[in-house]
Amino acid sequence: MRICMLFLCGALLLCSPVQAESKGKWVDLLPNNQLDKHWTTTGNWSINDEGVVTLEPRPGESGWKRYDAYLWLNDQARNFEVKFDYKTQPKGNSGFYFHVADRDDPVSQGIEVQIYDSHGQDKLTDHTSGGVIPRIPPSANAAKPAGEWNHFEIRCVDDQLTVKLNGEVVNKVDLSEGPLATRPKSGYIGFQDHGLPFQLRDIHLKKLD
């Protein structure tokens, strides 16, 4: 086990596994089909032997305000690339959160890339898959039908955010302008528990600073 230690103002700080492993290279966030090495949640997320993470809400779990039920990465990031596959069910809804300063209030203290069953949707909004919440719709609807795997590649460098869905760039956003200008510039990463079935696989992160 590699441990990174830094003495600062008399305090001992331990670097997380992602910090220790990810400087400039891709890190598998589901190593050996383990969920608990890099992630924290009180929600009903599980992983199988094929590396597929499944969210199956428990009876009575609904809505999106149960923030501790989100799947939260134990580490924080400012400049990064992330890539992952997701699958929704009909009318499925989730989101990829980043730059979350407060995990108890990610909606106002972070930024969300929307994940939604939006295949065939005519009107593009910030709730179309690949939209950035708040108020930035994608330039195209590249989502596959519910029940099929989709692939996201998301890159954030300083204030430049690029979102690619299924090989197509669907959003390019300057985070220093508009409704996102006052949002935090770094923070936690996570996936939303919207109280609906949802799946993930092949989650990889590269830190760029």
C-alpha atoms as a PDB file:
ATOM      1  CA  MET A   1       0.000   0.000   0.000  1.00  0.00           C
ATOM      2  CA  ARG A   2       1.391   3.382  -0.977  1.00  0.00           C
ATOM      3  CA  ILE A   3       0.904   6.148   1.606  1.00  0.00           C
ATOM      4  CA  CYS A   4       1.632   9.769   0.798  1.00  0.00           C
ATOM      5  CA  MET A   5       2.357  11.974   3.833  1.00  0.00           C
ATOM      6  CA  LEU A   6       2.804  15.709   4.137  1.00  0.00           C
ATOM      7  CA  PHE A   7       3.566  17.730   7.245  1.00  0.00           C
ATOM      8  CA  LEU A   8       1.870  21.110   7.162  1.00  0.00           C
ATOM      9  CA  CYS A   9       1.586  23.499  10.126  1.00  0.00           C
ATOM     10  CA  GLY A  10       2.354  20.627  12.461  1.00  0.00           C
ATOM     11  CA  ALA A  11      -0.483  18.442  11.121  1.00  0.00           C
ATOM     12  CA  LEU A  12      -0.110  15.089   9.401  1.00  0.00           C
ATOM     13  CA  LEU A  13      -2.140  14.845   6.194  1.00  0.00           C
ATOM     14  CA  LEU A  14      -2.683  11.520   4.434  1.00  0.00           C
ATOM     15  CA  CYS A  15      -3.203  11.552   0.679  1.00  0.00           C
ATOM     16  CA  SER A  16      -6.104   9.489  -0.578  1.00  0.00           C
ATOM     17  CA  PRO A  17      -5.512   6.521  -2.935  1.00  0.00           C
ATOM     18  CA  VAL A  18      -6.615   8.671  -5.879  1.00  0.00           C
ATOM     19  CA  GLN A  19      -4.140  11.408  -4.947  1.00  0.00           C
ATOM     20  CA  ALA A  20      -1.362   8.883  -4.588  1.00  0.00           C
ATOM     21  CA  GLU A  21      -2.088   7.076  -7.858  1.00  0.00           C
ATOM     22  CA  SER A  22      -3.578   9.549 -10.273  1.00  0.00           C
ATOM     23  CA  LYS A  23      -1.022  12.249 -10.996  1.00  0.00           C
ATOM     24  CA  GLY A  24      -1.308  12.580 -14.770  1.00  0.00           C
ATOM     25  CA  LYS A  25      -2.578   9.069 -15.446  1.00  0.00           C
ATOM     26  CA  TRP A  26      -5.863   7.237 -15.530  1.00  0.00           C
ATOM     27  CA  VAL A  27      -6.976   5.596 -12.294  1.00  0.00           C
ATOM     28  CA  ASP A  28      -9.555   2.821 -12.213  1.00  0.00           C
ATOM     29  CA  LEU A  29     -12.111   3.899  -9.607  1.00  0.00           C
ATOM     30  CA  LEU A  30     -13.572   0.379  -9.426  1.00  0.00           C
ATOM     31  CA  PRO A  31     -10.376  -1.665  -8.929  1.00  0.00           C
ATOM     32  CA  ASN A  32     -10.886  -5.423  -8.708  1.00  0.00           C
ATOM     33  CA  ASN A  33     -14.636  -4.769  -8.749  1.00  0.00           C
ATOM     34  CA  GLN A  34     -14.413  -2.985  -5.389  1.00  0.00           C
ATOM     35  CA  LEU A  35     -16.723  -0.091  -4.639  1.00  0.00           C
ATOM     36  CA  ASP A  36     -15.552   0.871  -1.172  1.00  0.00           C
ATOM     37  CA  LYS A  37     -11.908   1.662  -1.962  1.00  0.00           C
ATOM     38  CA  HIS A  38     -12.700   5.023  -3.551  1.00  0.00           C
ATOM     39  CA  TRP A  39     -16.397   5.647  -2.829  1.00  0.00           C
ATOM     40  CA  THR A  40     -18.662   6.449   0.115  1.00  0.00           C
ATOM     41  CA  THR A  41     -22.469   6.211   0.255  1.00  0.00           C
ATOM     42  CA  THR A  42     -25.417   5.324   2.466  1.00  0.00           C
ATOM     43  CA  GLY A  43     -27.473   4.494  -0.640  1.00  0.00           C
ATOM     44  CA  ASN A  44     -28.111   1.024  -2.013  1.00  0.00           C
ATOM     45  CA  TRP A  45     -25.259   0.909  -4.533  1.00  0.00           C
ATOM     46  CA  SER A  46     -23.565  -2.434  -5.223  1.00  0.00           C
ATOM     47  CA  ILE A  47     -21.060  -3.878  -7.688  1.00  0.00           C
ATOM     48  CA  ASN A  48     -21.055  -7.321  -9.316  1.00  0.00           C
ATOM     49  CA  ASP A  49     -18.253  -9.581 -10.515  1.00  0.00           C
ATOM     50  CA  GLU A  50     -18.373  -7.956 -13.957  1.00  0.00           C
ATOM     51  CA  GLY A  51     -17.671  -4.507 -12.535  1.00  0.00           C
ATOM     52  CA  VAL A  52     -21.182  -3.123 -13.050  1.00  0.00           C
ATOM     53  CA  VAL A  53     -22.345  -0.753 -10.319  1.00  0.00           C
ATOM     54  CA  THR A  54     -26.088  -0.920  -9.742  1.00  0.00           C
ATOM     55  CA  LEU A  55     -28.272   1.477  -7.802  1.00  0.00           C
ATOM     56  CA  GLU A  56     -31.449  -0.256  -6.655  1.00  0.00           C
ATOM     57  CA  PRO A  57     -33.392   2.077  -4.336  1.00  0.00           C
ATOM     58  CA  ARG A  58     -34.721   0.437  -1.206  1.00  0.00           C
ATOM     59  CA  PRO A  59     -38.452   0.534  -0.418  1.00  0.00           C
ATOM     60  CA  GLY A  60     -39.474   4.098   0.421  1.00  0.00           C
ATOM     61  CA  GLU A  61     -36.386   5.721  -1.114  1.00  0.00           C
ATOM     62  CA  SER A  62     -37.407   8.388  -3.603  1.00  0.00           C
ATOM     63  CA  GLY A  63     -36.437  11.880  -4.703  1.00  0.00           C
ATOM     64  CA  TRP A  64     -33.011  13.462  -5.045  1.00  0.00           C
ATOM     65  CA  LYS A  65     -32.504  15.299  -1.752  1.00  0.00           C
ATOM     66  CA  ARG A  66     -31.006  12.328   0.116  1.00  0.00           C
ATOM     67  CA  TYR A  67     -27.517  13.659  -0.542  1.00  0.00           C
ATOM     68  CA  ASP A  68     -25.662  11.148   1.624  1.00  0.00           C
ATOM     69  CA  ALA A  69     -27.184   8.418  -0.568  1.00  0.00           C
ATOM     70  CA  TYR A  70     -25.265   9.769  -3.574  1.00  0.00           C
ATOM     71  CA  LEU A  71     -22.154   7.835  -4.593  1.00  0.00           C
ATOM     72  CA  TRP A  72     -19.349  10.158  -3.453  1.00  0.00           C
ATOM     73  CA  LEU A  73     -15.696   9.878  -4.381  1.00  0.00           C
ATOM     74  CA  ASN A  74     -13.519  10.116  -1.274  1.00  0.00           C
ATOM     75  CA  ASP A  75     -11.174  12.568  -3.010  1.00  0.00           C
ATOM     76  CA  GLN A  76     -11.563  16.085  -4.421  1.00  0.00           C
ATOM     77  CA  ALA A  77     -10.443  17.514  -7.761  1.00  0.00           C
ATOM     78  CA  ARG A  78     -10.100  20.795  -9.624  1.00  0.00           C
ATOM     79  CA  ASN A  79      -8.722  19.974 -13.075  1.00  0.00           C
ATOM     80  CA  PHE A  80      -9.541  16.465 -14.246  1.00  0.00           C
ATOM     81  CA  GLU A  81     -10.806  14.109 -16.911  1.00  0.00           C
ATOM     82  CA  VAL A  82     -13.329  11.411 -16.163  1.00  0.00           C
ATOM     83  CA  LYS A  83     -14.841   8.724 -18.366  1.00  0.00           C
ATOM     84  CA  PHE A  84     -17.562   6.230 -17.550  1.00  0.00           C
ATOM     85  CA  ASP A  85     -20.479   4.263 -18.976  1.00  0.00           C
ATOM     86  CA  TYR A  86     -24.022   4.636 -17.693  1.00  0.00           C
ATOM     87  CA  LYS A  87     -27.354   2.959 -18.288  1.00  0.00           C
ATOM     88  CA  THR A  88     -30.795   4.281 -17.361  1.00  0.00           C
ATOM     89  CA  GLN A  89     -34.186   2.647 -17.292  1.00  0.00           C
ATOM     90  CA  PRO A  90     -37.208   4.340 -18.946  1.00  0.00           C
ATOM     91  CA  LYS A  91     -37.607   7.824 -17.434  1.00  0.00           C
ATOM     92  CA  GLY A  92     -34.356   7.258 -15.561  1.00  0.00           C
ATOM     93  CA  ASN A  93     -32.584  10.209 -14.001  1.00  0.00           C
ATOM     94  CA  SER A  94     -29.198  10.750 -12.361  1.00  0.00           C
ATOM     95  CA  GLY A  95     -26.316  13.199 -12.629  1.00  0.00           C
ATOM     96  CA  PHE A  96     -22.543  13.511 -12.489  1.00  0.00           C
ATOM     97  CA  TYR A  97     -21.526  16.111  -9.886  1.00  0.00           C
ATOM     98  CA  PHE A  98     -18.165  17.835  -9.596  1.00  0.00           C
ATOM     99  CA  HIS A  99     -16.579  20.821  -7.817  1.00  0.00           C
ATOM    100  CA  VAL A 100     -18.898  20.089  -4.888  1.00  0.00           C
ATOM    101  CA  ALA A 101     -17.711  22.114  -1.909  1.00  0.00           C
ATOM    102  CA  ASP A 102     -20.379  20.752   0.450  1.00  0.00           C
ATOM    103  CA  ARG A 103     -21.690  17.213  -0.017  1.00  0.00           C
ATOM    104  CA  ASP A 104     -24.730  18.157   2.087  1.00  0.00           C
ATOM    105  CA  ASP A 105     -25.706  20.762  -0.524  1.00  0.00           C
ATOM    106  CA  PRO A 106     -24.372  19.696  -3.949  1.00  0.00           C
ATOM    107  CA  VAL A 107     -27.162  21.395  -5.915  1.00  0.00           C
ATOM    108  CA  SER A 108     -26.048  24.892  -4.924  1.00  0.00           C
ATOM    109  CA  GLN A 109     -22.461  24.074  -3.938  1.00  0.00           C
ATOM    110  CA  GLY A 110     -21.416  22.182  -7.064  1.00  0.00           C
ATOM    111  CA  ILE A 111     -21.989  21.621 -10.794  1.00  0.00           C
ATOM    112  CA  GLU A 112     -24.013  18.822 -12.392  1.00  0.00           C
ATOM    113  CA  VAL A 113     -23.771  17.187 -15.796  1.00  0.00           C
ATOM    114  CA  GLN A 114     -27.237  15.770 -16.381  1.00  0.00           C
ATOM    115  CA  ILE A 115     -27.803  12.042 -16.922  1.00  0.00           C
ATOM    116  CA  TYR A 116     -31.301  11.311 -18.174  1.00  0.00           C
ATOM    117  CA  ASP A 117     -33.362   9.030 -20.377  1.00  0.00           C
ATOM    118  CA  SER A 118     -33.554  11.711 -23.065  1.00  0.00           C
ATOM    119  CA  HIS A 119     -33.281   9.655 -26.257  1.00  0.00           C
ATOM    120  CA  GLY A 120     -35.703  11.060 -28.835  1.00  0.00           C
ATOM    121  CA  GLN A 121     -36.323  14.223 -26.829  1.00  0.00           C
ATOM    122  CA  ASP A 122     -36.970  17.124 -29.224  1.00  0.00           C
ATOM    123  CA  LYS A 123     -36.514  20.149 -26.983  1.00  0.00           C
ATOM    124  CA  LEU A 124     -33.014  20.382 -25.517  1.00  0.00           C
ATOM    125  CA  THR A 125     -32.799  21.672 -21.934  1.00  0.00           C
ATOM    126  CA  ASP A 126     -30.276  21.458 -19.119  1.00  0.00           C
ATOM    127  CA  HIS A 127     -32.098  18.233 -18.167  1.00  0.00           C
ATOM    128  CA  THR A 128     -31.214  16.549 -21.472  1.00  0.00           C
ATOM    129  CA  SER A 129     -28.315  14.114 -21.038  1.00  0.00           C
ATOM    130  CA  GLY A 130     -25.146  16.156 -21.386  1.00  0.00           C
ATOM    131  CA  GLY A 131     -26.793  19.346 -20.185  1.00  0.00           C
ATOM    132  CA  VAL A 132     -25.050  21.299 -17.445  1.00  0.00           C
ATOM    133  CA  ILE A 133     -27.163  22.367 -14.498  1.00  0.00           C
ATOM    134  CA  PRO A 134     -28.104  25.096 -14.019  1.00  0.00           C
ATOM    135  CA  ARG A 135     -29.471  26.377 -17.326  1.00  0.00           C
ATOM    136  CA  ILE A 136     -27.036  25.127 -19.985  1.00  0.00           C
ATOM    137  CA  PRO A 137     -28.579  22.679 -22.492  1.00  0.00           C
ATOM    138  CA  PRO A 138     -26.414  20.452 -24.688  1.00  0.00           C
ATOM    139  CA  SER A 139     -25.906  21.282 -28.363  1.00  0.00           C
ATOM    140  CA  ALA A 140     -27.226  17.865 -29.420  1.00  0.00           C
ATOM    141  CA  ASN A 141     -29.177  14.935 -28.028  1.00  0.00           C
ATOM    142  CA  ALA A 142     -26.681  12.075 -28.227  1.00  0.00           C
ATOM    143  CA  ALA A 143     -28.252   9.758 -25.644  1.00  0.00           C
ATOM    144  CA  LYS A 144     -29.018   6.168 -26.573  1.00  0.00           C
ATOM    145  CA  PRO A 145     -32.375   4.570 -25.689  1.00  0.00           C
ATOM    146  CA  ALA A 146     -33.048   3.441 -22.128  1.00  0.00           C
ATOM    147  CA  GLY A 147     -31.528   0.044 -21.443  1.00  0.00           C
ATOM    148  CA  GLU A 148     -28.437   0.693 -23.608  1.00  0.00           C
ATOM    149  CA  TRP A 149     -25.003   1.690 -22.374  1.00  0.00           C
ATOM    150  CA  ASN A 150     -23.896   5.299 -22.947  1.00  0.00           C
ATOM    151  CA  HIS A 151     -20.348   6.643 -22.666  1.00  0.00           C
ATOM    152  CA  PHE A 152     -19.409  10.016 -21.149  1.00  0.00           C
ATOM    153  CA  GLU A 153     -16.043  11.767 -21.366  1.00  0.00           C
ATOM    154  CA  ILE A 154     -15.885  14.937 -19.268  1.00  0.00           C
ATOM    155  CA  ARG A 155     -12.874  17.233 -19.079  1.00  0.00           C
ATOM    156  CA  CYS A 156     -12.487  20.276 -16.838  1.00  0.00           C
ATOM    157  CA  VAL A 157      -9.356  22.435 -17.057  1.00  0.00           C
ATOM    158  CA  ASP A 158      -9.435  25.712 -15.160  1.00  0.00           C
ATOM    159  CA  ASP A 159     -12.761  27.213 -16.286  1.00  0.00           C
ATOM    160  CA  GLN A 160     -13.119  25.217 -19.496  1.00  0.00           C
ATOM    161  CA  LEU A 161     -15.568  22.317 -19.352  1.00  0.00           C
ATOM    162  CA  THR A 162     -16.014  19.917 -22.278  1.00  0.00           C
ATOM    163  CA  VAL A 163     -18.681  17.197 -22.244  1.00  0.00           C
ATOM    164  CA  LYS A 164     -18.609  14.401 -24.800  1.00  0.00           C
ATOM    165  CA  LEU A 165     -21.447  11.855 -24.948  1.00  0.00           C
ATOM    166  CA  ASN A 166     -21.153   8.726 -27.084  1.00  0.00           C
ATOM    167  CA  GLY A 167     -18.275  10.249 -29.028  1.00  0.00           C
ATOM    168  CA  GLU A 168     -19.968  13.601 -29.740  1.00  0.00           C
ATOM    169  CA  VAL A 169     -19.097  16.895 -28.079  1.00  0.00           C
ATOM    170  CA  VAL A 170     -22.440  18.073 -26.705  1.00  0.00           C
ATOM    171  CA  ASN A 171     -21.339  20.888 -24.389  1.00  0.00           C
ATOM    172  CA  LYS A 172     -18.472  23.356 -24.091  1.00  0.00           C
ATOM    173  CA  VAL A 173     -18.842  25.737 -21.177  1.00  0.00           C
ATOM    174  CA  ASP A 174     -16.763  28.573 -19.751  1.00  0.00           C
ATOM    175  CA  LEU A 175     -17.348  28.161 -16.028  1.00  0.00           C
ATOM    176  CA  SER A 176     -16.243  31.725 -15.340  1.00  0.00           C
ATOM    177  CA  GLU A 177     -19.330  33.101 -17.076  1.00  0.00           C
ATOM    178  CA  GLY A 178     -23.094  32.965 -16.625  1.00  0.00           C
ATOM    179  CA  PRO A 179     -24.905  30.979 -13.933  1.00  0.00           C
ATOM    180  CA  LEU A 180     -21.836  28.906 -13.026  1.00  0.00           C
ATOM    181  CA  ALA A 181     -19.463  31.808 -12.390  1.00  0.00           C
ATOM    182  CA  THR A 182     -20.082  31.816  -8.639  1.00  0.00           C
ATOM    183  CA  ARG A 183     -19.831  28.040  -8.194  1.00  0.00           C
ATOM    184  CA  PRO A 184     -16.859  26.448  -6.416  1.00  0.00           C
ATOM    185  CA  LYS A 185     -13.718  25.874  -8.498  1.00  0.00           C
ATOM    186  CA  SER A 186     -12.862  22.524  -6.936  1.00  0.00           C
ATOM    187  CA  GLY A 187     -14.454  19.911  -4.739  1.00  0.00           C
ATOM    188  CA  TYR A 188     -15.928  16.441  -4.544  1.00  0.00           C
ATOM    189  CA  ILE A 189     -17.126  14.229  -7.399  1.00  0.00           C
ATOM    190  CA  GLY A 190     -20.240  12.077  -7.215  1.00  0.00           C
ATOM    191  CA  PHE A 191     -23.214  10.407  -8.878  1.00  0.00           C
ATOM    192  CA  GLN A 192     -26.781  11.246  -7.938  1.00  0.00           C
ATOM    193  CA  ASP A 193     -29.204   8.860  -6.270  1.00  0.00           C
ATOM    194  CA  HIS A 194     -32.522  10.064  -7.672  1.00  0.00           C
ATOM    195  CA  GLY A 195     -34.446   7.186  -6.141  1.00  0.00           C
ATOM    196  CA  LEU A 196     -34.500   5.408  -9.533  1.00  0.00           C
ATOM    197  CA  PRO A 197     -32.632   2.333 -10.831  1.00  0.00           C
ATOM    198  CA  PHE A 198     -29.328   3.237 -12.482  1.00  0.00           C
ATOM    199  CA  GLN A 199     -26.094   1.544 -13.549  1.00  0.00           C
ATOM    200  CA  LEU A 200     -22.454   2.531 -14.046  1.00  0.00           C
ATOM    201  CA  ARG A 201     -19.292   0.785 -15.200  1.00  0.00           C
ATOM    202  CA  ASP A 202     -15.683   1.515 -16.245  1.00  0.00           C
ATOM    203  CA  ILE A 203     -15.242   4.685 -14.169  1.00  0.00           C
ATOM    204  CA  HIS A 204     -11.777   6.175 -14.675  1.00  0.00           C
ATOM    205  CA  LEU A 205     -10.334   9.489 -13.475  1.00  0.00           C
ATOM    206  CA  LYS A 206      -7.219  11.432 -14.440  1.00  0.00           C
ATOM    207  CA  LYS A 207      -6.144  14.411 -12.370  1.00  0.00           C
ATOM    208  CA  LEU A 208      -4.632  17.221 -14.412  1.00  0.00           C
ATOM    209  CA  ASP A 209      -2.989  19.238 -11.619  1.00  0.00           C
END
